[in-house]
Amino acid sequence: MDTLDQLSIAISLGPDRARVFLRGELDLATAPLLHKHIDDLLAGNGQHRSLVLIDMGELTFCDSSGLRALLEILDRCHRVGTNLRVTNVPANIHRVLELTGTAGVLNIDAN
């Protein structure tokens, strides 16, 4: 697990997939940490991940920088042939995704 004061990230790896657990705040200060973890996953020492699942169940805040990071990660995943899904989106963050139009772009699992 990697932790910045406002965000902690834990990753569970399967044979061809990864689940990324977020806890805390995804914002301008913490988005680079998420990018680093996703970049490392996608580099994967030659191991291709067919799915990256971002679990937001314990995310308390997400600002426009966090949304931008998610969209950039989605784009990066598409470029390397990896599916990105988002799950356990808290109601307050889901509302922000809806208001900004990103809910329709991100592959959000129904809870």
PDB file of N, CA and C in Angstrom:
ATOM      1  N   MET A   1       0.843  -1.169   0.000  1.00  0.00           N
ATOM      2  CA  MET A   1       0.000   0.000   0.000  1.00  0.00           C
ATOM      3  C   MET A   1       0.890   1.235   0.000  1.00  0.00           C
ATOM      4  N   ASP A   2       0.506   2.224  -0.789  1.00  0.00           N
ATOM      5  CA  ASP A   2       1.226   3.484  -0.819  1.00  0.00           C
ATOM      6  C   ASP A   2       0.295   4.559  -0.292  1.00  0.00           C
ATOM      7  N   THR A   3       0.847   5.503   0.471  1.00  0.00           N
ATOM      8  CA  THR A   3       0.022   6.504   1.114  1.00  0.00           C
ATOM      9  C   THR A   3       0.633   7.886   0.958  1.00  0.00           C
ATOM     10  N   LEU A   4      -0.179   8.810   0.556  1.00  0.00           N
ATOM     11  CA  LEU A   4       0.124  10.215   0.650  1.00  0.00           C
ATOM     12  C   LEU A   4      -0.838  10.688   1.730  1.00  0.00           C
ATOM     13  N   ASP A   5      -0.569  11.780   2.398  1.00  0.00           N
ATOM     14  CA  ASP A   5      -1.409  12.182   3.528  1.00  0.00           C
ATOM     15  C   ASP A   5      -2.909  12.070   3.255  1.00  0.00           C
ATOM     16  N   GLN A   6      -3.341  12.480   2.073  1.00  0.00           N
ATOM     17  CA  GLN A   6      -4.770  12.510   1.786  1.00  0.00           C
ATOM     18  C   GLN A   6      -5.291  11.288   1.029  1.00  0.00           C
ATOM     19  N   LEU A   7      -4.423  10.452   0.509  1.00  0.00           N
ATOM     20  CA  LEU A   7      -4.870   9.321  -0.309  1.00  0.00           C
ATOM     21  C   LEU A   7      -4.012   8.100  -0.029  1.00  0.00           C
ATOM     22  N   SER A   8      -4.669   6.964   0.160  1.00  0.00           N
ATOM     23  CA  SER A   8      -3.931   5.709   0.220  1.00  0.00           C
ATOM     24  C   SER A   8      -4.431   4.819  -0.907  1.00  0.00           C
ATOM     25  N   ILE A   9      -3.509   4.048  -1.450  1.00  0.00           N
ATOM     26  CA  ILE A   9      -3.794   3.174  -2.586  1.00  0.00           C
ATOM     27  C   ILE A   9      -3.286   1.784  -2.248  1.00  0.00           C
ATOM     28  N   ALA A  10      -4.182   0.808  -2.352  1.00  0.00           N
ATOM     29  CA  ALA A  10      -3.804  -0.596  -2.179  1.00  0.00           C
ATOM     30  C   ALA A  10      -4.177  -1.324  -3.461  1.00  0.00           C
ATOM     31  N   ILE A  11      -3.361  -2.273  -3.857  1.00  0.00           N
ATOM     32  CA  ILE A  11      -3.585  -2.984  -5.113  1.00  0.00           C
ATOM     33  C   ILE A  11      -3.605  -4.481  -4.857  1.00  0.00           C
ATOM     34  N   SER A  12      -4.624  -5.123  -5.406  1.00  0.00           N
ATOM     35  CA  SER A  12      -4.750  -6.572  -5.357  1.00  0.00           C
ATOM     36  C   SER A  12      -4.567  -7.085  -6.783  1.00  0.00           C
ATOM     37  N   LEU A  13      -3.586  -7.968  -6.971  1.00  0.00           N
ATOM     38  CA  LEU A  13      -3.278  -8.470  -8.307  1.00  0.00           C
ATOM     39  C   LEU A  13      -3.814  -9.866  -8.527  1.00  0.00           C
ATOM     40  N   GLY A  14      -4.401 -10.060  -9.684  1.00  0.00           N
ATOM     41  CA  GLY A  14      -4.811 -11.386 -10.133  1.00  0.00           C
ATOM     42  C   GLY A  14      -3.949 -11.752 -11.322  1.00  0.00           C
ATOM     43  N   PRO A  15      -4.206 -12.908 -11.935  1.00  0.00           N
ATOM     44  CA  PRO A  15      -3.364 -13.366 -13.048  1.00  0.00           C
ATOM     45  C   PRO A  15      -3.304 -12.375 -14.218  1.00  0.00           C
ATOM     46  N   ASP A  16      -4.437 -11.750 -14.562  1.00  0.00           N
ATOM     47  CA  ASP A  16      -4.442 -10.819 -15.690  1.00  0.00           C
ATOM     48  C   ASP A  16      -5.218  -9.547 -15.376  1.00  0.00           C
ATOM     49  N   ARG A  17      -5.446  -9.302 -14.102  1.00  0.00           N
ATOM     50  CA  ARG A  17      -6.207  -8.124 -13.713  1.00  0.00           C
ATOM     51  C   ARG A  17      -5.670  -7.555 -12.418  1.00  0.00           C
ATOM     52  N   ALA A  18      -6.093  -6.331 -12.143  1.00  0.00           N
ATOM     53  CA  ALA A  18      -5.696  -5.668 -10.909  1.00  0.00           C
ATOM     54  C   ALA A  18      -6.888  -4.885 -10.366  1.00  0.00           C
ATOM     55  N   ARG A  19      -7.004  -4.879  -9.054  1.00  0.00           N
ATOM     56  CA  ARG A  19      -8.034  -4.078  -8.387  1.00  0.00           C
ATOM     57  C   ARG A  19      -7.303  -3.028  -7.561  1.00  0.00           C
ATOM     58  N   VAL A  20      -7.631  -1.772  -7.800  1.00  0.00           N
ATOM     59  CA  VAL A  20      -6.978  -0.643  -7.152  1.00  0.00           C
ATOM     60  C   VAL A  20      -7.971  -0.029  -6.172  1.00  0.00           C
ATOM     61  N   PHE A  21      -7.639  -0.106  -4.894  1.00  0.00           N
ATOM     62  CA  PHE A  21      -8.506   0.422  -3.840  1.00  0.00           C
ATOM     63  C   PHE A  21      -8.041   1.817  -3.458  1.00  0.00           C
ATOM     64  N   LEU A  22      -8.946   2.790  -3.525  1.00  0.00           N
ATOM     65  CA  LEU A  22      -8.633   4.164  -3.164  1.00  0.00           C
ATOM     66  C   LEU A  22      -9.304   4.510  -1.843  1.00  0.00           C
ATOM     67  N   ARG A  23      -8.564   5.201  -0.979  1.00  0.00           N
ATOM     68  CA  ARG A  23      -9.127   5.662   0.294  1.00  0.00           C
ATOM     69  C   ARG A  23      -8.655   7.098   0.520  1.00  0.00           C
ATOM     70  N   GLY A  24      -9.615   7.995   0.718  1.00  0.00           N
ATOM     71  CA  GLY A  24      -9.270   9.384   1.003  1.00  0.00           C
ATOM     72  C   GLY A  24      -9.721  10.314  -0.091  1.00  0.00           C
ATOM     73  N   GLU A  25      -8.818  11.214  -0.502  1.00  0.00           N
ATOM     74  CA  GLU A  25      -9.155  12.273  -1.441  1.00  0.00           C
ATOM     75  C   GLU A  25      -8.325  12.174  -2.712  1.00  0.00           C
ATOM     76  N   LEU A  26      -9.019  12.248  -3.844  1.00  0.00           N
ATOM     77  CA  LEU A  26      -8.361  12.267  -5.147  1.00  0.00           C
ATOM     78  C   LEU A  26      -8.461  13.687  -5.679  1.00  0.00           C
ATOM     79  N   ASP A  27      -7.334  14.390  -5.678  1.00  0.00           N
ATOM     80  CA  ASP A  27      -7.330  15.796  -6.059  1.00  0.00           C
ATOM     81  C   ASP A  27      -5.995  16.155  -6.700  1.00  0.00           C
ATOM     82  N   LEU A  28      -5.754  17.453  -6.851  1.00  0.00           N
ATOM     83  CA  LEU A  28      -4.534  17.927  -7.503  1.00  0.00           C
ATOM     84  C   LEU A  28      -3.276  17.375  -6.836  1.00  0.00           C
ATOM     85  N   ALA A  29      -3.280  17.294  -5.531  1.00  0.00           N
ATOM     86  CA  ALA A  29      -2.096  16.825  -4.806  1.00  0.00           C
ATOM     87  C   ALA A  29      -1.892  15.321  -4.906  1.00  0.00           C
ATOM     88  N   THR A  30      -2.976  14.563  -5.033  1.00  0.00           N
ATOM     89  CA  THR A  30      -2.864  13.099  -4.971  1.00  0.00           C
ATOM     90  C   THR A  30      -2.983  12.400  -6.323  1.00  0.00           C
ATOM     91  N   ALA A  31      -3.485  13.078  -7.335  1.00  0.00           N
ATOM     92  CA  ALA A  31      -3.652  12.451  -8.656  1.00  0.00           C
ATOM     93  C   ALA A  31      -2.338  11.880  -9.202  1.00  0.00           C
ATOM     94  N   PRO A  32      -1.196  12.560  -9.027  1.00  0.00           N
ATOM     95  CA  PRO A  32       0.060  11.976  -9.530  1.00  0.00           C
ATOM     96  C   PRO A  32       0.391  10.618  -8.906  1.00  0.00           C
ATOM     97  N   LEU A  33       0.015  10.418  -7.660  1.00  0.00           N
ATOM     98  CA  LEU A  33       0.255   9.130  -7.006  1.00  0.00           C
ATOM     99  C   LEU A  33      -0.562   8.023  -7.689  1.00  0.00           C
ATOM    100  N   LEU A  34      -1.816   8.316  -8.011  1.00  0.00           N
ATOM    101  CA  LEU A  34      -2.644   7.338  -8.722  1.00  0.00           C
ATOM    102  C   LEU A  34      -2.060   7.059 -10.099  1.00  0.00           C
ATOM    103  N   HIS A  35      -1.653   8.111 -10.806  1.00  0.00           N
ATOM    104  CA  HIS A  35      -1.021   7.922 -12.126  1.00  0.00           C
ATOM    105  C   HIS A  35       0.188   6.996 -12.018  1.00  0.00           C
ATOM    106  N   LYS A  36       1.018   7.209 -11.024  1.00  0.00           N
ATOM    107  CA  LYS A  36       2.220   6.390 -10.865  1.00  0.00           C
ATOM    108  C   LYS A  36       1.868   4.917 -10.690  1.00  0.00           C
ATOM    109  N   HIS A  37       0.879   4.634  -9.848  1.00  0.00           N
ATOM    110  CA  HIS A  37       0.489   3.243  -9.616  1.00  0.00           C
ATOM    111  C   HIS A  37      -0.099   2.603 -10.870  1.00  0.00           C
ATOM    112  N   ILE A  38      -0.922   3.340 -11.581  1.00  0.00           N
ATOM    113  CA  ILE A  38      -1.506   2.782 -12.805  1.00  0.00           C
ATOM    114  C   ILE A  38      -0.431   2.585 -13.866  1.00  0.00           C
ATOM    115  N   ASP A  39       0.477   3.547 -14.000  1.00  0.00           N
ATOM    116  CA  ASP A  39       1.578   3.389 -14.956  1.00  0.00           C
ATOM    117  C   ASP A  39       2.400   2.144 -14.637  1.00  0.00           C
ATOM    118  N   ASP A  40       2.699   1.935 -13.359  1.00  0.00           N
ATOM    119  CA  ASP A  40       3.446   0.746 -12.944  1.00  0.00           C
ATOM    120  C   ASP A  40       2.677  -0.532 -13.270  1.00  0.00           C
ATOM    121  N   LEU A  41       1.369  -0.515 -13.026  1.00  0.00           N
ATOM    122  CA  LEU A  41       0.543  -1.695 -13.332  1.00  0.00           C
ATOM    123  C   LEU A  41       0.554  -2.009 -14.816  1.00  0.00           C
ATOM    124  N   LEU A  42       0.397  -0.969 -15.623  1.00  0.00           N
ATOM    125  CA  LEU A  42       0.316  -1.196 -17.060  1.00  0.00           C
ATOM    126  C   LEU A  42       1.667  -1.584 -17.639  1.00  0.00           C
ATOM    127  N   ALA A  43       2.754  -1.121 -17.034  1.00  0.00           N
ATOM    128  CA  ALA A  43       4.089  -1.543 -17.467  1.00  0.00           C
ATOM    129  C   ALA A  43       4.282  -3.011 -17.112  1.00  0.00           C
ATOM    130  N   GLY A  44       3.890  -3.380 -15.891  1.00  0.00           N
ATOM    131  CA  GLY A  44       3.760  -4.741 -15.407  1.00  0.00           C
ATOM    132  C   GLY A  44       4.850  -5.737 -15.684  1.00  0.00           C
ATOM    133  N   ASN A  45       6.088  -5.304 -15.898  1.00  0.00           N
ATOM    134  CA  ASN A  45       7.177  -6.260 -16.154  1.00  0.00           C
ATOM    135  C   ASN A  45       6.824  -7.257 -17.254  1.00  0.00           C
ATOM    136  N   GLY A  46       6.194  -6.748 -18.295  1.00  0.00           N
ATOM    137  CA  GLY A  46       5.848  -7.603 -19.429  1.00  0.00           C
ATOM    138  C   GLY A  46       4.548  -8.359 -19.282  1.00  0.00           C
ATOM    139  N   GLN A  47       3.892  -8.263 -18.138  1.00  0.00           N
ATOM    140  CA  GLN A  47       2.626  -8.958 -17.932  1.00  0.00           C
ATOM    141  C   GLN A  47       1.476  -8.035 -18.298  1.00  0.00           C
ATOM    142  N   HIS A  48       0.662  -8.457 -19.272  1.00  0.00           N
ATOM    143  CA  HIS A  48      -0.479  -7.643 -19.706  1.00  0.00           C
ATOM    144  C   HIS A  48      -1.651  -7.820 -18.741  1.00  0.00           C
ATOM    145  N   ARG A  49      -2.248  -6.739 -18.354  1.00  0.00           N
ATOM    146  CA  ARG A  49      -3.457  -6.759 -17.530  1.00  0.00           C
ATOM    147  C   ARG A  49      -4.639  -6.494 -18.446  1.00  0.00           C
ATOM    148  N   SER A  50      -5.585  -7.430 -18.508  1.00  0.00           N
ATOM    149  CA  SER A  50      -6.762  -7.228 -19.357  1.00  0.00           C
ATOM    150  C   SER A  50      -7.782  -6.313 -18.696  1.00  0.00           C
ATOM    151  N   LEU A  51      -7.706  -6.197 -17.360  1.00  0.00           N
ATOM    152  CA  LEU A  51      -8.671  -5.376 -16.632  1.00  0.00           C
ATOM    153  C   LEU A  51      -7.997  -4.687 -15.455  1.00  0.00           C
ATOM    154  N   VAL A  52      -8.274  -3.404 -15.319  1.00  0.00           N
ATOM    155  CA  VAL A  52      -7.930  -2.645 -14.120  1.00  0.00           C
ATOM    156  C   VAL A  52      -9.252  -2.136 -13.567  1.00  0.00           C
ATOM    157  N   LEU A  53      -9.511  -2.492 -12.328  1.00  0.00           N
ATOM    158  CA  LEU A  53     -10.747  -2.107 -11.652  1.00  0.00           C
ATOM    159  C   LEU A  53     -10.383  -1.122 -10.552  1.00  0.00           C
ATOM    160  N   ILE A  54     -10.929   0.083 -10.620  1.00  0.00           N
ATOM    161  CA  ILE A  54     -10.681   1.085  -9.593  1.00  0.00           C
ATOM    162  C   ILE A  54     -11.862   1.087  -8.635  1.00  0.00           C
ATOM    163  N   ASP A  55     -11.592   0.731  -7.391  1.00  0.00           N
ATOM    164  CA  ASP A  55     -12.611   0.647  -6.345  1.00  0.00           C
ATOM    165  C   ASP A  55     -12.588   1.940  -5.534  1.00  0.00           C
ATOM    166  N   MET A  56     -13.671   2.709  -5.634  1.00  0.00           N
ATOM    167  CA  MET A  56     -13.764   4.002  -4.967  1.00  0.00           C
ATOM    168  C   MET A  56     -14.564   3.943  -3.670  1.00  0.00           C
ATOM    169  N   GLY A  57     -14.805   2.762  -3.155  1.00  0.00           N
ATOM    170  CA  GLY A  57     -15.666   2.593  -1.994  1.00  0.00           C
ATOM    171  C   GLY A  57     -15.287   3.433  -0.787  1.00  0.00           C
ATOM    172  N   GLU A  58     -14.001   3.761  -0.651  1.00  0.00           N
ATOM    173  CA  GLU A  58     -13.569   4.554   0.496  1.00  0.00           C
ATOM    174  C   GLU A  58     -12.997   5.910   0.076  1.00  0.00           C
ATOM    175  N   LEU A  59     -13.348   6.330  -1.128  1.00  0.00           N
ATOM    176  CA  LEU A  59     -12.938   7.650  -1.582  1.00  0.00           C
ATOM    177  C   LEU A  59     -13.941   8.671  -1.037  1.00  0.00           C
ATOM    178  N   THR A  60     -13.443   9.708  -0.410  1.00  0.00           N
ATOM    179  CA  THR A  60     -14.331  10.698   0.217  1.00  0.00           C
ATOM    180  C   THR A  60     -14.475  11.968  -0.590  1.00  0.00           C
ATOM    181  N   PHE A  61     -13.546  12.214  -1.534  1.00  0.00           N
ATOM    182  CA  PHE A  61     -13.561  13.470  -2.276  1.00  0.00           C
ATOM    183  C   PHE A  61     -12.865  13.260  -3.606  1.00  0.00           C
ATOM    184  N   CYS A  62     -13.390  13.914  -4.632  1.00  0.00           N
ATOM    185  CA  CYS A  62     -12.752  13.893  -5.942  1.00  0.00           C
ATOM    186  C   CYS A  62     -13.035  15.228  -6.613  1.00  0.00           C
ATOM    187  N   ASP A  63     -11.976  15.975  -6.942  1.00  0.00           N
ATOM    188  CA  ASP A  63     -12.174  17.259  -7.607  1.00  0.00           C
ATOM    189  C   ASP A  63     -11.890  17.114  -9.102  1.00  0.00           C
ATOM    190  N   SER A  64     -11.843  18.241  -9.807  1.00  0.00           N
ATOM    191  CA  SER A  64     -11.645  18.193 -11.258  1.00  0.00           C
ATOM    192  C   SER A  64     -10.303  17.577 -11.637  1.00  0.00           C
ATOM    193  N   SER A  65      -9.289  17.746 -10.801  1.00  0.00           N
ATOM    194  CA  SER A  65      -7.993  17.118 -11.083  1.00  0.00           C
ATOM    195  C   SER A  65      -8.093  15.604 -10.973  1.00  0.00           C
ATOM    196  N   GLY A  66      -8.873  15.130 -10.018  1.00  0.00           N
ATOM    197  CA  GLY A  66      -9.111  13.697  -9.880  1.00  0.00           C
ATOM    198  C   GLY A  66      -9.875  13.147 -11.072  1.00  0.00           C
ATOM    199  N   LEU A  67     -10.886  13.884 -11.523  1.00  0.00           N
ATOM    200  CA  LEU A  67     -11.643  13.462 -12.705  1.00  0.00           C
ATOM    201  C   LEU A  67     -10.747  13.414 -13.933  1.00  0.00           C
ATOM    202  N   ARG A  68      -9.927  14.430 -14.062  1.00  0.00           N
ATOM    203  CA  ARG A  68      -9.011  14.453 -15.207  1.00  0.00           C
ATOM    204  C   ARG A  68      -8.064  13.257 -15.156  1.00  0.00           C
ATOM    205  N   ALA A  69      -7.556  12.929 -13.971  1.00  0.00           N
ATOM    206  CA  ALA A  69      -6.674  11.775 -13.825  1.00  0.00           C
ATOM    207  C   ALA A  69      -7.378  10.497 -14.258  1.00  0.00           C
ATOM    208  N   LEU A  70      -8.620  10.332 -13.852  1.00  0.00           N
ATOM    209  CA  LEU A  70      -9.385   9.133 -14.242  1.00  0.00           C
ATOM    210  C   LEU A  70      -9.556   9.055 -15.756  1.00  0.00           C
ATOM    211  N   LEU A  71      -9.846  10.194 -16.387  1.00  0.00           N
ATOM    212  CA  LEU A  71     -10.009  10.202 -17.841  1.00  0.00           C
ATOM    213  C   LEU A  71      -8.695   9.929 -18.553  1.00  0.00           C
ATOM    214  N   GLU A  72      -7.589  10.452 -18.033  1.00  0.00           N
ATOM    215  CA  GLU A  72      -6.271  10.173 -18.619  1.00  0.00           C
ATOM    216  C   GLU A  72      -5.904   8.702 -18.458  1.00  0.00           C
ATOM    217  N   ILE A  73      -6.240   8.135 -17.310  1.00  0.00           N
ATOM    218  CA  ILE A  73      -5.977   6.718 -17.067  1.00  0.00           C
ATOM    219  C   ILE A  73      -6.829   5.858 -17.995  1.00  0.00           C
ATOM    220  N   LEU A  74      -8.077   6.243 -18.207  1.00  0.00           N
ATOM    221  CA  LEU A  74      -8.946   5.534 -19.152  1.00  0.00           C
ATOM    222  C   LEU A  74      -8.324   5.538 -20.544  1.00  0.00           C
ATOM    223  N   ASP A  75      -7.847   6.687 -20.965  1.00  0.00           N
ATOM    224  CA  ASP A  75      -7.214   6.800 -22.282  1.00  0.00           C
ATOM    225  C   ASP A  75      -5.968   5.919 -22.367  1.00  0.00           C
ATOM    226  N   ARG A  76      -5.155   5.962 -21.337  1.00  0.00           N
ATOM    227  CA  ARG A  76      -3.929   5.143 -21.320  1.00  0.00           C
ATOM    228  C   ARG A  76      -4.276   3.655 -21.384  1.00  0.00           C
ATOM    229  N   CYS A  77      -5.276   3.242 -20.631  1.00  0.00           N
ATOM    230  CA  CYS A  77      -5.696   1.838 -20.654  1.00  0.00           C
ATOM    231  C   CYS A  77      -6.147   1.431 -22.052  1.00  0.00           C
ATOM    232  N   HIS A  78      -6.947   2.273 -22.697  1.00  0.00           N
ATOM    233  CA  HIS A  78      -7.399   1.952 -24.051  1.00  0.00           C
ATOM    234  C   HIS A  78      -6.226   1.798 -25.009  1.00  0.00           C
ATOM    235  N   ARG A  79      -5.230   2.666 -24.857  1.00  0.00           N
ATOM    236  CA  ARG A  79      -4.072   2.611 -25.762  1.00  0.00           C
ATOM    237  C   ARG A  79      -3.264   1.328 -25.628  1.00  0.00           C
ATOM    238  N   VAL A  80      -3.279   0.711 -24.438  1.00  0.00           N
ATOM    239  CA  VAL A  80      -2.494  -0.521 -24.250  1.00  0.00           C
ATOM    240  C   VAL A  80      -3.378  -1.775 -24.268  1.00  0.00           C
ATOM    241  N   GLY A  81      -4.669  -1.609 -24.573  1.00  0.00           N
ATOM    242  CA  GLY A  81      -5.551  -2.763 -24.681  1.00  0.00           C
ATOM    243  C   GLY A  81      -6.038  -3.317 -23.357  1.00  0.00           C
ATOM    244  N   THR A  82      -6.145  -2.457 -22.359  1.00  0.00           N
ATOM    245  CA  THR A  82      -6.632  -2.859 -21.044  1.00  0.00           C
ATOM    246  C   THR A  82      -7.983  -2.204 -20.794  1.00  0.00           C
ATOM    247  N   ASN A  83      -8.921  -2.966 -20.272  1.00  0.00           N
ATOM    248  CA  ASN A  83     -10.219  -2.409 -19.901  1.00  0.00           C
ATOM    249  C   ASN A  83     -10.103  -1.754 -18.532  1.00  0.00           C
ATOM    250  N   LEU A  84     -10.749  -0.607 -18.379  1.00  0.00           N
ATOM    251  CA  LEU A  84     -10.808   0.072 -17.094  1.00  0.00           C
ATOM    252  C   LEU A  84     -12.264   0.119 -16.662  1.00  0.00           C
ATOM    253  N   ARG A  85     -12.498  -0.299 -15.431  1.00  0.00           N
ATOM    254  CA  ARG A  85     -13.826  -0.190 -14.831  1.00  0.00           C
ATOM    255  C   ARG A  85     -13.693   0.497 -13.491  1.00  0.00           C
ATOM    256  N   VAL A  86     -14.750   1.188 -13.100  1.00  0.00           N
ATOM    257  CA  VAL A  86     -14.807   1.881 -11.827  1.00  0.00           C
ATOM    258  C   VAL A  86     -15.970   1.292 -11.048  1.00  0.00           C
ATOM    259  N   THR A  87     -15.758   1.021  -9.762  1.00  0.00           N
ATOM    260  CA  THR A  87     -16.798   0.394  -8.962  1.00  0.00           C
ATOM    261  C   THR A  87     -16.892   1.046  -7.588  1.00  0.00           C
ATOM    262  N   ASN A  88     -18.015   0.780  -6.925  1.00  0.00           N
ATOM    263  CA  ASN A  88     -18.268   1.284  -5.568  1.00  0.00           C
ATOM    264  C   ASN A  88     -18.098   2.796  -5.474  1.00  0.00           C
ATOM    265  N   VAL A  89     -18.688   3.493  -6.424  1.00  0.00           N
ATOM    266  CA  VAL A  89     -18.576   4.954  -6.452  1.00  0.00           C
ATOM    267  C   VAL A  89     -19.550   5.542  -5.427  1.00  0.00           C
ATOM    268  N   PRO A  90     -19.028   6.287  -4.434  1.00  0.00           N
ATOM    269  CA  PRO A  90     -19.911   6.910  -3.452  1.00  0.00           C
ATOM    270  C   PRO A  90     -20.879   7.893  -4.123  1.00  0.00           C
ATOM    271  N   ALA A  91     -22.040   8.072  -3.521  1.00  0.00           N
ATOM    272  CA  ALA A  91     -23.092   8.912  -4.105  1.00  0.00           C
ATOM    273  C   ALA A  91     -22.615  10.330  -4.409  1.00  0.00           C
ATOM    274  N   ASN A  92     -21.852  10.932  -3.497  1.00  0.00           N
ATOM    275  CA  ASN A  92     -21.409  12.308  -3.729  1.00  0.00           C
ATOM    276  C   ASN A  92     -20.462  12.402  -4.924  1.00  0.00           C
ATOM    277  N   ILE A  93     -19.640  11.399  -5.118  1.00  0.00           N
ATOM    278  CA  ILE A  93     -18.709  11.411  -6.251  1.00  0.00           C
ATOM    279  C   ILE A  93     -19.444  11.037  -7.535  1.00  0.00           C
ATOM    280  N   HIS A  94     -20.394  10.131  -7.435  1.00  0.00           N
ATOM    281  CA  HIS A  94     -21.194   9.765  -8.611  1.00  0.00           C
ATOM    282  C   HIS A  94     -21.946  10.988  -9.130  1.00  0.00           C
ATOM    283  N   ARG A  95     -22.427  11.800  -8.227  1.00  0.00           N
ATOM    284  CA  ARG A  95     -23.145  13.025  -8.608  1.00  0.00           C
ATOM    285  C   ARG A  95     -22.216  13.959  -9.388  1.00  0.00           C
ATOM    286  N   VAL A  96     -20.990  14.105  -8.932  1.00  0.00           N
ATOM    287  CA  VAL A  96     -20.010  14.938  -9.644  1.00  0.00           C
ATOM    288  C   VAL A  96     -19.745  14.363 -11.034  1.00  0.00           C
ATOM    289  N   LEU A  97     -19.628  13.044 -11.124  1.00  0.00           N
ATOM    290  CA  LEU A  97     -19.415  12.402 -12.424  1.00  0.00           C
ATOM    291  C   LEU A  97     -20.597  12.670 -13.360  1.00  0.00           C
ATOM    292  N   GLU A  98     -21.804  12.612 -12.829  1.00  0.00           N
ATOM    293  CA  GLU A  98     -22.991  12.891 -13.644  1.00  0.00           C
ATOM    294  C   GLU A  98     -23.015  14.344 -14.100  1.00  0.00           C
ATOM    295  N   LEU A  99     -22.757  15.277 -13.180  1.00  0.00           N
ATOM    296  CA  LEU A  99     -22.809  16.703 -13.513  1.00  0.00           C
ATOM    297  C   LEU A  99     -21.774  17.103 -14.549  1.00  0.00           C
ATOM    298  N   THR A 100     -20.641  16.434 -14.551  1.00  0.00           N
ATOM    299  CA  THR A 100     -19.562  16.772 -15.486  1.00  0.00           C
ATOM    300  C   THR A 100     -19.623  15.973 -16.783  1.00  0.00           C
ATOM    301  N   GLY A 101     -20.544  15.027 -16.865  1.00  0.00           N
ATOM    302  CA  GLY A 101     -20.652  14.198 -18.063  1.00  0.00           C
ATOM    303  C   GLY A 101     -19.661  13.061 -18.128  1.00  0.00           C
ATOM    304  N   THR A 102     -18.871  12.878 -17.084  1.00  0.00           N
ATOM    305  CA  THR A 102     -17.880  11.803 -17.109  1.00  0.00           C
ATOM    306  C   THR A 102     -18.467  10.452 -16.712  1.00  0.00           C
ATOM    307  N   ALA A 103     -19.656  10.443 -16.109  1.00  0.00           N
ATOM    308  CA  ALA A 103     -20.288   9.176 -15.751  1.00  0.00           C
ATOM    309  C   ALA A 103     -20.560   8.343 -16.996  1.00  0.00           C
ATOM    310  N   GLY A 104     -20.893   9.003 -18.092  1.00  0.00           N
ATOM    311  CA  GLY A 104     -21.166   8.296 -19.329  1.00  0.00           C
ATOM    312  C   GLY A 104     -19.921   7.838 -20.059  1.00  0.00           C
ATOM    313  N   VAL A 105     -18.770   8.383 -19.699  1.00  0.00           N
ATOM    314  CA  VAL A 105     -17.511   8.034 -20.346  1.00  0.00           C
ATOM    315  C   VAL A 105     -16.797   6.912 -19.594  1.00  0.00           C
ATOM    316  N   LEU A 106     -16.790   7.008 -18.272  1.00  0.00           N
ATOM    317  CA  LEU A 106     -16.155   5.971 -17.460  1.00  0.00           C
ATOM    318  C   LEU A 106     -17.046   4.746 -17.411  1.00  0.00           C
ATOM    319  N   ASN A 107     -16.454   3.599 -17.382  1.00  0.00           N
ATOM    320  CA  ASN A 107     -17.175   2.334 -17.305  1.00  0.00           C
ATOM    321  C   ASN A 107     -17.466   2.053 -15.826  1.00  0.00           C
ATOM    322  N   ILE A 108     -18.616   2.518 -15.338  1.00  0.00           N
ATOM    323  CA  ILE A 108     -18.956   2.414 -13.934  1.00  0.00           C
ATOM    324  C   ILE A 108     -19.834   1.200 -13.709  1.00  0.00           C
ATOM    325  N   ASP A 109     -19.400   0.322 -12.797  1.00  0.00           N
ATOM    326  CA  ASP A 109     -20.199  -0.846 -12.438  1.00  0.00           C
ATOM    327  C   ASP A 109     -21.380  -0.403 -11.593  1.00  0.00           C
ATOM    328  N   ALA A 110     -22.527  -1.011 -11.824  1.00  0.00           N
ATOM    329  CA  ALA A 110     -23.689  -0.765 -10.962  1.00  0.00           C
ATOM    330  C   ALA A 110     -23.423  -1.437  -9.626  1.00  0.00           C
ATOM    331  N   ASN A 111     -23.698  -0.722  -8.550  1.00  0.00           N
ATOM    332  CA  ASN A 111     -23.448  -1.266  -7.206  1.00  0.00           C
ATOM    333  C   ASN A 111     -24.634  -2.063  -6.724  1.00  0.00           C
TER     334      ASN A 111
END
